[in-house]
Amino acid sequence: MKPNDSMESVFSELYERHIDTVYRICYAMMGNRQDAEDAAQSVFVKLMRSKMTFQSVEHEKAWLIATARNEHRRWWRKKVVKFETGMPDEQHADRLPQHEMMDGMRRLPPNHRLLLYLYYYEGYKLLEIAKMLKMNINTVKTRMRDARKRLKLELGDDFID
């Protein structure tokens, strides 16, 4: 933070930089717009109250994603998610209609959806996801493998790793 910057302007810039990502993650986990908006708002309220200082933009993003995941744990409900974006693995776009991919993703548990979202949509590597979610890398690898297997079961033989 620059000495002349007010806390409000710093927070405002951070909010603008990360609100879309936080909202999409909350939406992927919560399953509906209203809950995702509430959860995303709660994440930023926690940030304001925490008075966190960050080493980099990536550190900000990692903290916000981990906080969104923790917020989901508080709000957890069994609902389905509708992804508004493309397929997580573009190489399968020609073999599997987008609505089938979305239907398969909807049926996955929230933690599986989060891992797949962070990996395919946000482009994080497994080690980055492990650090962000404060998990052991082997746990992330195992859960990612399980998420892919479960998605493959949901989609049938059309989806191959």
C-alpha atoms as a PDB file:
ATOM      1  CA  MET A   1       0.000   0.000   0.000  1.00  0.00           C
ATOM      2  CA  LYS A   2       1.258   3.486  -0.838  1.00  0.00           C
ATOM      3  CA  PRO A   3       1.398   5.905   2.086  1.00  0.00           C
ATOM      4  CA  ASN A   4      -1.191   8.227   0.499  1.00  0.00           C
ATOM      5  CA  ASP A   5      -3.693   5.499  -0.356  1.00  0.00           C
ATOM      6  CA  SER A   6      -6.673   5.216   1.905  1.00  0.00           C
ATOM      7  CA  MET A   7      -7.695   1.812   3.162  1.00  0.00           C
ATOM      8  CA  GLU A   8     -10.958   2.202   1.268  1.00  0.00           C
ATOM      9  CA  SER A   9      -9.293   2.701  -2.093  1.00  0.00           C
ATOM     10  CA  VAL A  10      -6.935  -0.224  -1.496  1.00  0.00           C
ATOM     11  CA  PHE A  11      -9.872  -2.436  -0.552  1.00  0.00           C
ATOM     12  CA  SER A  12     -11.866  -1.179  -3.533  1.00  0.00           C
ATOM     13  CA  GLU A  13      -9.035  -2.057  -5.924  1.00  0.00           C
ATOM     14  CA  LEU A  14      -8.639  -5.503  -4.357  1.00  0.00           C
ATOM     15  CA  TYR A  15     -12.393  -6.076  -4.591  1.00  0.00           C
ATOM     16  CA  GLU A  16     -12.515  -5.088  -8.265  1.00  0.00           C
ATOM     17  CA  ARG A  17      -9.520  -7.292  -9.013  1.00  0.00           C
ATOM     18  CA  HIS A  18     -10.979 -10.448  -7.448  1.00  0.00           C
ATOM     19  CA  ILE A  19     -14.779 -10.254  -7.151  1.00  0.00           C
ATOM     20  CA  ASP A  20     -15.423 -12.171 -10.393  1.00  0.00           C
ATOM     21  CA  THR A  21     -13.212 -15.075  -9.345  1.00  0.00           C
ATOM     22  CA  VAL A  22     -14.612 -15.204  -5.805  1.00  0.00           C
ATOM     23  CA  TYR A  23     -18.174 -15.066  -7.105  1.00  0.00           C
ATOM     24  CA  ARG A  24     -17.572 -17.849  -9.670  1.00  0.00           C
ATOM     25  CA  ILE A  25     -16.029 -20.076  -7.008  1.00  0.00           C
ATOM     26  CA  CYS A  26     -18.898 -19.414  -4.610  1.00  0.00           C
ATOM     27  CA  TYR A  27     -21.372 -20.078  -7.411  1.00  0.00           C
ATOM     28  CA  ALA A  28     -19.666 -23.339  -8.333  1.00  0.00           C
ATOM     29  CA  MET A  29     -19.855 -24.486  -4.742  1.00  0.00           C
ATOM     30  CA  MET A  30     -23.188 -22.993  -3.636  1.00  0.00           C
ATOM     31  CA  GLY A  31     -25.208 -23.762  -6.719  1.00  0.00           C
ATOM     32  CA  ASN A  32     -27.301 -20.617  -7.043  1.00  0.00           C
ATOM     33  CA  ARG A  33     -26.841 -16.930  -7.623  1.00  0.00           C
ATOM     34  CA  GLN A  34     -28.301 -15.641  -4.369  1.00  0.00           C
ATOM     35  CA  ASP A  35     -26.220 -17.871  -2.096  1.00  0.00           C
ATOM     36  CA  ALA A  36     -23.114 -17.201  -4.192  1.00  0.00           C
ATOM     37  CA  GLU A  37     -23.624 -13.445  -3.902  1.00  0.00           C
ATOM     38  CA  ASP A  38     -24.094 -13.717  -0.135  1.00  0.00           C
ATOM     39  CA  ALA A  39     -21.047 -15.942   0.246  1.00  0.00           C
ATOM     40  CA  ALA A  40     -18.869 -13.695  -1.917  1.00  0.00           C
ATOM     41  CA  GLN A  41     -19.967 -10.681   0.115  1.00  0.00           C
ATOM     42  CA  SER A  42     -19.119 -12.558   3.334  1.00  0.00           C
ATOM     43  CA  VAL A  43     -15.648 -13.342   2.008  1.00  0.00           C
ATOM     44  CA  PHE A  44     -14.923  -9.663   1.424  1.00  0.00           C
ATOM     45  CA  VAL A  45     -16.412  -8.665   4.781  1.00  0.00           C
ATOM     46  CA  LYS A  46     -14.011 -11.129   6.405  1.00  0.00           C
ATOM     47  CA  LEU A  47     -11.187  -9.560   4.457  1.00  0.00           C
ATOM     48  CA  MET A  48     -12.110  -6.074   5.696  1.00  0.00           C
ATOM     49  CA  ARG A  49     -12.323  -7.271   9.281  1.00  0.00           C
ATOM     50  CA  SER A  50      -9.080  -9.243   9.102  1.00  0.00           C
ATOM     51  CA  LYS A  51      -6.934  -6.274   8.034  1.00  0.00           C
ATOM     52  CA  MET A  52      -4.792  -8.738   6.089  1.00  0.00           C
ATOM     53  CA  THR A  53      -1.757  -7.567   4.190  1.00  0.00           C
ATOM     54  CA  PHE A  54      -0.662  -9.526   1.165  1.00  0.00           C
ATOM     55  CA  GLN A  55       2.697 -10.171  -0.445  1.00  0.00           C
ATOM     56  CA  SER A  56       1.323 -10.272  -3.996  1.00  0.00           C
ATOM     57  CA  VAL A  57      -1.823 -10.380  -6.109  1.00  0.00           C
ATOM     58  CA  GLU A  58      -1.558 -14.185  -6.167  1.00  0.00           C
ATOM     59  CA  HIS A  59      -1.392 -14.229  -2.362  1.00  0.00           C
ATOM     60  CA  GLU A  60      -4.581 -12.124  -2.278  1.00  0.00           C
ATOM     61  CA  LYS A  61      -6.315 -14.490  -4.660  1.00  0.00           C
ATOM     62  CA  ALA A  62      -5.213 -17.594  -2.765  1.00  0.00           C
ATOM     63  CA  TRP A  63      -6.472 -16.166   0.541  1.00  0.00           C
ATOM     64  CA  LEU A  64      -9.810 -15.218  -0.992  1.00  0.00           C
ATOM     65  CA  ILE A  65     -10.292 -18.640  -2.595  1.00  0.00           C
ATOM     66  CA  ALA A  66      -9.461 -20.445   0.657  1.00  0.00           C
ATOM     67  CA  THR A  67     -11.848 -18.148   2.534  1.00  0.00           C
ATOM     68  CA  ALA A  68     -14.587 -18.793  -0.037  1.00  0.00           C
ATOM     69  CA  ARG A  69     -14.111 -22.524   0.439  1.00  0.00           C
ATOM     70  CA  ASN A  70     -14.409 -22.113   4.205  1.00  0.00           C
ATOM     71  CA  GLU A  71     -17.480 -19.936   3.760  1.00  0.00           C
ATOM     72  CA  HIS A  72     -19.059 -22.713   1.715  1.00  0.00           C
ATOM     73  CA  ARG A  73     -18.545 -25.126   4.587  1.00  0.00           C
ATOM     74  CA  ARG A  74     -20.711 -22.864   6.724  1.00  0.00           C
ATOM     75  CA  TRP A  75     -23.448 -22.547   4.100  1.00  0.00           C
ATOM     76  CA  TRP A  76     -23.344 -26.049   2.715  1.00  0.00           C
ATOM     77  CA  ARG A  77     -26.532 -27.257   1.090  1.00  0.00           C
ATOM     78  CA  LYS A  78     -27.245 -29.999  -1.391  1.00  0.00           C
ATOM     79  CA  LYS A  79     -28.010 -28.069  -4.556  1.00  0.00           C
ATOM     80  CA  VAL A  80     -26.918 -28.375  -8.134  1.00  0.00           C
ATOM     81  CA  VAL A  81     -24.709 -25.919  -9.935  1.00  0.00           C
ATOM     82  CA  LYS A  82     -25.178 -24.555 -13.424  1.00  0.00           C
ATOM     83  CA  PHE A  83     -21.917 -23.511 -14.977  1.00  0.00           C
ATOM     84  CA  GLU A  84     -22.350 -20.521 -17.245  1.00  0.00           C
ATOM     85  CA  THR A  85     -18.991 -20.913 -18.928  1.00  0.00           C
ATOM     86  CA  GLY A  86     -17.505 -23.426 -21.326  1.00  0.00           C
ATOM     87  CA  MET A  87     -16.300 -26.934 -20.758  1.00  0.00           C
ATOM     88  CA  PRO A  88     -13.445 -27.558 -18.324  1.00  0.00           C
ATOM     89  CA  ASP A  89     -11.487 -29.629 -20.810  1.00  0.00           C
ATOM     90  CA  GLU A  90     -11.657 -28.120 -24.271  1.00  0.00           C
ATOM     91  CA  GLN A  91     -10.193 -31.207 -25.967  1.00  0.00           C
ATOM     92  CA  HIS A  92     -13.526 -32.944 -25.350  1.00  0.00           C
ATOM     93  CA  ALA A  93     -15.622 -30.128 -26.785  1.00  0.00           C
ATOM     94  CA  ASP A  94     -16.108 -31.880 -30.097  1.00  0.00           C
ATOM     95  CA  ARG A  95     -17.097 -35.213 -28.519  1.00  0.00           C
ATOM     96  CA  LEU A  96     -19.365 -34.133 -25.675  1.00  0.00           C
ATOM     97  CA  PRO A  97     -22.135 -31.516 -25.811  1.00  0.00           C
ATOM     98  CA  GLN A  98     -21.655 -28.699 -23.309  1.00  0.00           C
ATOM     99  CA  HIS A  99     -24.969 -29.373 -21.569  1.00  0.00           C
ATOM    100  CA  GLU A 100     -23.883 -32.960 -20.834  1.00  0.00           C
ATOM    101  CA  MET A 101     -20.633 -31.744 -19.291  1.00  0.00           C
ATOM    102  CA  MET A 102     -22.541 -29.234 -17.155  1.00  0.00           C
ATOM    103  CA  ASP A 103     -25.046 -31.878 -16.074  1.00  0.00           C
ATOM    104  CA  GLY A 104     -22.185 -34.159 -15.022  1.00  0.00           C
ATOM    105  CA  MET A 105     -20.480 -31.366 -13.101  1.00  0.00           C
ATOM    106  CA  ARG A 106     -23.746 -30.510 -11.314  1.00  0.00           C
ATOM    107  CA  ARG A 107     -23.932 -33.994  -9.873  1.00  0.00           C
ATOM    108  CA  LEU A 108     -20.468 -33.874  -8.320  1.00  0.00           C
ATOM    109  CA  PRO A 109     -19.901 -33.034  -4.651  1.00  0.00           C
ATOM    110  CA  PRO A 110     -18.918 -29.393  -4.050  1.00  0.00           C
ATOM    111  CA  ASN A 111     -15.297 -30.220  -3.197  1.00  0.00           C
ATOM    112  CA  HIS A 112     -14.893 -32.088  -6.486  1.00  0.00           C
ATOM    113  CA  ARG A 113     -16.452 -29.179  -8.385  1.00  0.00           C
ATOM    114  CA  LEU A 114     -14.060 -26.771  -6.660  1.00  0.00           C
ATOM    115  CA  LEU A 115     -10.952 -28.753  -7.589  1.00  0.00           C
ATOM    116  CA  LEU A 116     -12.054 -29.202 -11.194  1.00  0.00           C
ATOM    117  CA  TYR A 117     -13.011 -25.534 -11.416  1.00  0.00           C
ATOM    118  CA  LEU A 118      -9.690 -24.297 -10.045  1.00  0.00           C
ATOM    119  CA  TYR A 119      -7.725 -26.636 -12.300  1.00  0.00           C
ATOM    120  CA  TYR A 120      -9.627 -26.344 -15.579  1.00  0.00           C
ATOM    121  CA  TYR A 121     -11.309 -22.933 -15.400  1.00  0.00           C
ATOM    122  CA  GLU A 122      -8.785 -20.904 -13.384  1.00  0.00           C
ATOM    123  CA  GLY A 123      -5.748 -22.756 -14.715  1.00  0.00           C
ATOM    124  CA  TYR A 124      -4.048 -23.491 -11.410  1.00  0.00           C
ATOM    125  CA  LYS A 125      -1.545 -26.324 -11.116  1.00  0.00           C
ATOM    126  CA  LEU A 126      -2.141 -29.007  -8.493  1.00  0.00           C
ATOM    127  CA  LEU A 127       0.663 -27.702  -6.269  1.00  0.00           C
ATOM    128  CA  GLU A 128      -0.835 -24.202  -6.400  1.00  0.00           C
ATOM    129  CA  ILE A 129      -4.253 -25.595  -5.470  1.00  0.00           C
ATOM    130  CA  ALA A 130      -2.719 -27.510  -2.562  1.00  0.00           C
ATOM    131  CA  LYS A 131      -1.062 -24.369  -1.206  1.00  0.00           C
ATOM    132  CA  MET A 132      -4.169 -22.273  -1.753  1.00  0.00           C
ATOM    133  CA  LEU A 133      -6.460 -24.718   0.035  1.00  0.00           C
ATOM    134  CA  LYS A 134      -3.827 -25.610   2.647  1.00  0.00           C
ATOM    135  CA  MET A 135      -3.921 -29.275   1.712  1.00  0.00           C
ATOM    136  CA  ASN A 136      -1.237 -31.866   1.183  1.00  0.00           C
ATOM    137  CA  ILE A 137      -0.323 -32.161  -2.514  1.00  0.00           C
ATOM    138  CA  ASN A 138      -0.984 -35.909  -2.426  1.00  0.00           C
ATOM    139  CA  THR A 139      -4.452 -35.275  -1.009  1.00  0.00           C
ATOM    140  CA  VAL A 140      -5.160 -32.853  -3.856  1.00  0.00           C
ATOM    141  CA  LYS A 141      -3.904 -35.380  -6.417  1.00  0.00           C
ATOM    142  CA  THR A 142      -6.068 -38.123  -4.919  1.00  0.00           C
ATOM    143  CA  ARG A 143      -9.155 -35.933  -4.770  1.00  0.00           C
ATOM    144  CA  MET A 144      -8.570 -34.679  -8.310  1.00  0.00           C
ATOM    145  CA  ARG A 145      -8.276 -38.258  -9.528  1.00  0.00           C
ATOM    146  CA  ASP A 146     -11.490 -39.124  -7.681  1.00  0.00           C
ATOM    147  CA  ALA A 147     -13.236 -36.059  -9.125  1.00  0.00           C
ATOM    148  CA  ARG A 148     -12.220 -37.016 -12.661  1.00  0.00           C
ATOM    149  CA  LYS A 149     -13.331 -40.619 -12.135  1.00  0.00           C
ATOM    150  CA  ARG A 150     -16.646 -39.501 -10.742  1.00  0.00           C
ATOM    151  CA  LEU A 151     -17.149 -37.072 -13.626  1.00  0.00           C
ATOM    152  CA  LYS A 152     -16.293 -39.843 -16.071  1.00  0.00           C
ATOM    153  CA  LEU A 153     -18.918 -42.066 -14.425  1.00  0.00           C
ATOM    154  CA  GLU A 154     -21.463 -39.264 -14.664  1.00  0.00           C
ATOM    155  CA  LEU A 155     -20.672 -38.654 -18.332  1.00  0.00           C
ATOM    156  CA  GLY A 156     -20.180 -42.237 -19.472  1.00  0.00           C
ATOM    157  CA  ASP A 157     -17.489 -43.377 -21.873  1.00  0.00           C
ATOM    158  CA  ASP A 158     -17.588 -40.112 -23.860  1.00  0.00           C
ATOM    159  CA  PHE A 159     -15.211 -38.467 -21.397  1.00  0.00           C
ATOM    160  CA  ILE A 160     -11.732 -39.954 -21.291  1.00  0.00           C
ATOM    161  CA  ASP A 161      -8.806 -38.429 -19.333  1.00  0.00           C
END
